[in-house]
């Protein structure tokens, strides 16, 4: 059975996690913004599912996310 494993990545306070998730989607990477999962406000973050992906694909996706974080 294919089951996912998830990683929670907290982001700097100035990052809008929903915007980052949308930009990532435009690049072909799906992450879930933490703000969409919260019952109460809290720090921004994204949930990354990684259990079913090969290491090379994960490394490439994380590099893209890092690049997106550096964009204004």
C-alpha atoms as a PDB file:
ATOM      1  CA  UNK A   1       0.000   0.000   0.000  1.00  0.00           C
ATOM      2  CA  UNK A   2       1.368   3.415  -0.939  1.00  0.00           C
ATOM      3  CA  UNK A   3       1.246   5.641   2.120  1.00  0.00           C
ATOM      4  CA  UNK A   4       2.580   9.127   2.474  1.00  0.00           C
ATOM      5  CA  UNK A   5       4.919  10.538   5.050  1.00  0.00           C
ATOM      6  CA  UNK A   6       4.686  14.234   5.791  1.00  0.00           C
ATOM      7  CA  UNK A   7       7.125  16.894   6.881  1.00  0.00           C
ATOM      8  CA  UNK A   8       6.033  20.180   8.427  1.00  0.00           C
ATOM      9  CA  UNK A   9       8.245  23.077   7.369  1.00  0.00           C
ATOM     10  CA  UNK A  10       7.805  26.266   9.384  1.00  0.00           C
ATOM     11  CA  UNK A  11       8.559  29.438   7.438  1.00  0.00           C
ATOM     12  CA  UNK A  12       9.746  32.919   8.412  1.00  0.00           C
ATOM     13  CA  UNK A  13       6.937  35.140   9.706  1.00  0.00           C
ATOM     14  CA  UNK A  14       7.013  37.401   6.621  1.00  0.00           C
ATOM     15  CA  UNK A  15       6.236  34.515   4.207  1.00  0.00           C
ATOM     16  CA  UNK A  16       2.645  33.999   3.059  1.00  0.00           C
ATOM     17  CA  UNK A  17       2.392  30.221   2.980  1.00  0.00           C
ATOM     18  CA  UNK A  18      -0.673  30.239   0.705  1.00  0.00           C
ATOM     19  CA  UNK A  19       1.184  32.345  -1.878  1.00  0.00           C
ATOM     20  CA  UNK A  20       4.227  30.077  -1.632  1.00  0.00           C
ATOM     21  CA  UNK A  21       2.040  26.986  -2.125  1.00  0.00           C
ATOM     22  CA  UNK A  22       0.409  28.555  -5.191  1.00  0.00           C
ATOM     23  CA  UNK A  23       3.791  29.473  -6.690  1.00  0.00           C
ATOM     24  CA  UNK A  24       5.007  25.944  -5.999  1.00  0.00           C
ATOM     25  CA  UNK A  25       1.924  24.526  -7.756  1.00  0.00           C
ATOM     26  CA  UNK A  26       2.754  26.654 -10.791  1.00  0.00           C
ATOM     27  CA  UNK A  27       6.168  24.942 -10.794  1.00  0.00           C
ATOM     28  CA  UNK A  28       4.591  21.483 -10.591  1.00  0.00           C
ATOM     29  CA  UNK A  29       5.149  20.979  -6.848  1.00  0.00           C
ATOM     30  CA  UNK A  30       2.257  20.397  -4.482  1.00  0.00           C
ATOM     31  CA  UNK A  31       2.610  21.472  -0.870  1.00  0.00           C
ATOM     32  CA  UNK A  32      -0.202  22.273   1.518  1.00  0.00           C
ATOM     33  CA  UNK A  33      -0.131  25.684   3.212  1.00  0.00           C
ATOM     34  CA  UNK A  34      -0.285  25.282   6.972  1.00  0.00           C
ATOM     35  CA  UNK A  35      -2.624  28.268   7.230  1.00  0.00           C
ATOM     36  CA  UNK A  36      -5.334  26.289   5.410  1.00  0.00           C
ATOM     37  CA  UNK A  37      -5.138  23.518   8.013  1.00  0.00           C
ATOM     38  CA  UNK A  38      -5.138  25.627  11.187  1.00  0.00           C
ATOM     39  CA  UNK A  39      -8.095  26.141  13.495  1.00  0.00           C
ATOM     40  CA  UNK A  40      -6.363  29.171  15.067  1.00  0.00           C
ATOM     41  CA  UNK A  41      -3.748  31.572  13.660  1.00  0.00           C
ATOM     42  CA  UNK A  42      -0.105  30.593  13.937  1.00  0.00           C
ATOM     43  CA  UNK A  43       3.211  30.782  12.132  1.00  0.00           C
ATOM     44  CA  UNK A  44       3.298  30.138   8.387  1.00  0.00           C
ATOM     45  CA  UNK A  45       4.433  26.805   7.048  1.00  0.00           C
ATOM     46  CA  UNK A  46       3.912  24.131   4.453  1.00  0.00           C
ATOM     47  CA  UNK A  47       3.242  20.413   4.686  1.00  0.00           C
ATOM     48  CA  UNK A  48       5.415  18.381   2.327  1.00  0.00           C
ATOM     49  CA  UNK A  49       4.433  14.790   1.486  1.00  0.00           C
ATOM     50  CA  UNK A  50       7.517  12.770   0.722  1.00  0.00           C
ATOM     51  CA  UNK A  51       6.935   9.085   1.400  1.00  0.00           C
ATOM     52  CA  UNK A  52       6.230   8.029  -2.167  1.00  0.00           C
ATOM     53  CA  UNK A  53       8.843  10.122  -4.007  1.00  0.00           C
ATOM     54  CA  UNK A  54      12.414   9.141  -4.877  1.00  0.00           C
ATOM     55  CA  UNK A  55      15.202  11.157  -3.193  1.00  0.00           C
ATOM     56  CA  UNK A  56      16.267  12.914  -6.417  1.00  0.00           C
ATOM     57  CA  UNK A  57      12.742  14.231  -6.993  1.00  0.00           C
ATOM     58  CA  UNK A  58      12.533  15.474  -3.404  1.00  0.00           C
ATOM     59  CA  UNK A  59      15.895  17.231  -3.661  1.00  0.00           C
ATOM     60  CA  UNK A  60      14.805  18.981  -6.857  1.00  0.00           C
ATOM     61  CA  UNK A  61      11.469  20.034  -5.309  1.00  0.00           C
ATOM     62  CA  UNK A  62      13.169  21.414  -2.187  1.00  0.00           C
ATOM     63  CA  UNK A  63      15.589  23.378  -4.384  1.00  0.00           C
ATOM     64  CA  UNK A  64      12.621  24.897  -6.232  1.00  0.00           C
ATOM     65  CA  UNK A  65      10.908  25.781  -2.945  1.00  0.00           C
ATOM     66  CA  UNK A  66      14.117  27.428  -1.724  1.00  0.00           C
ATOM     67  CA  UNK A  67      14.262  29.479  -4.901  1.00  0.00           C
ATOM     68  CA  UNK A  68      10.655  30.527  -4.481  1.00  0.00           C
ATOM     69  CA  UNK A  69      11.370  31.671  -0.919  1.00  0.00           C
ATOM     70  CA  UNK A  70      14.139  33.932  -2.202  1.00  0.00           C
ATOM     71  CA  UNK A  71      11.815  35.573  -4.762  1.00  0.00           C
ATOM     72  CA  UNK A  72      10.166  38.819  -3.701  1.00  0.00           C
END
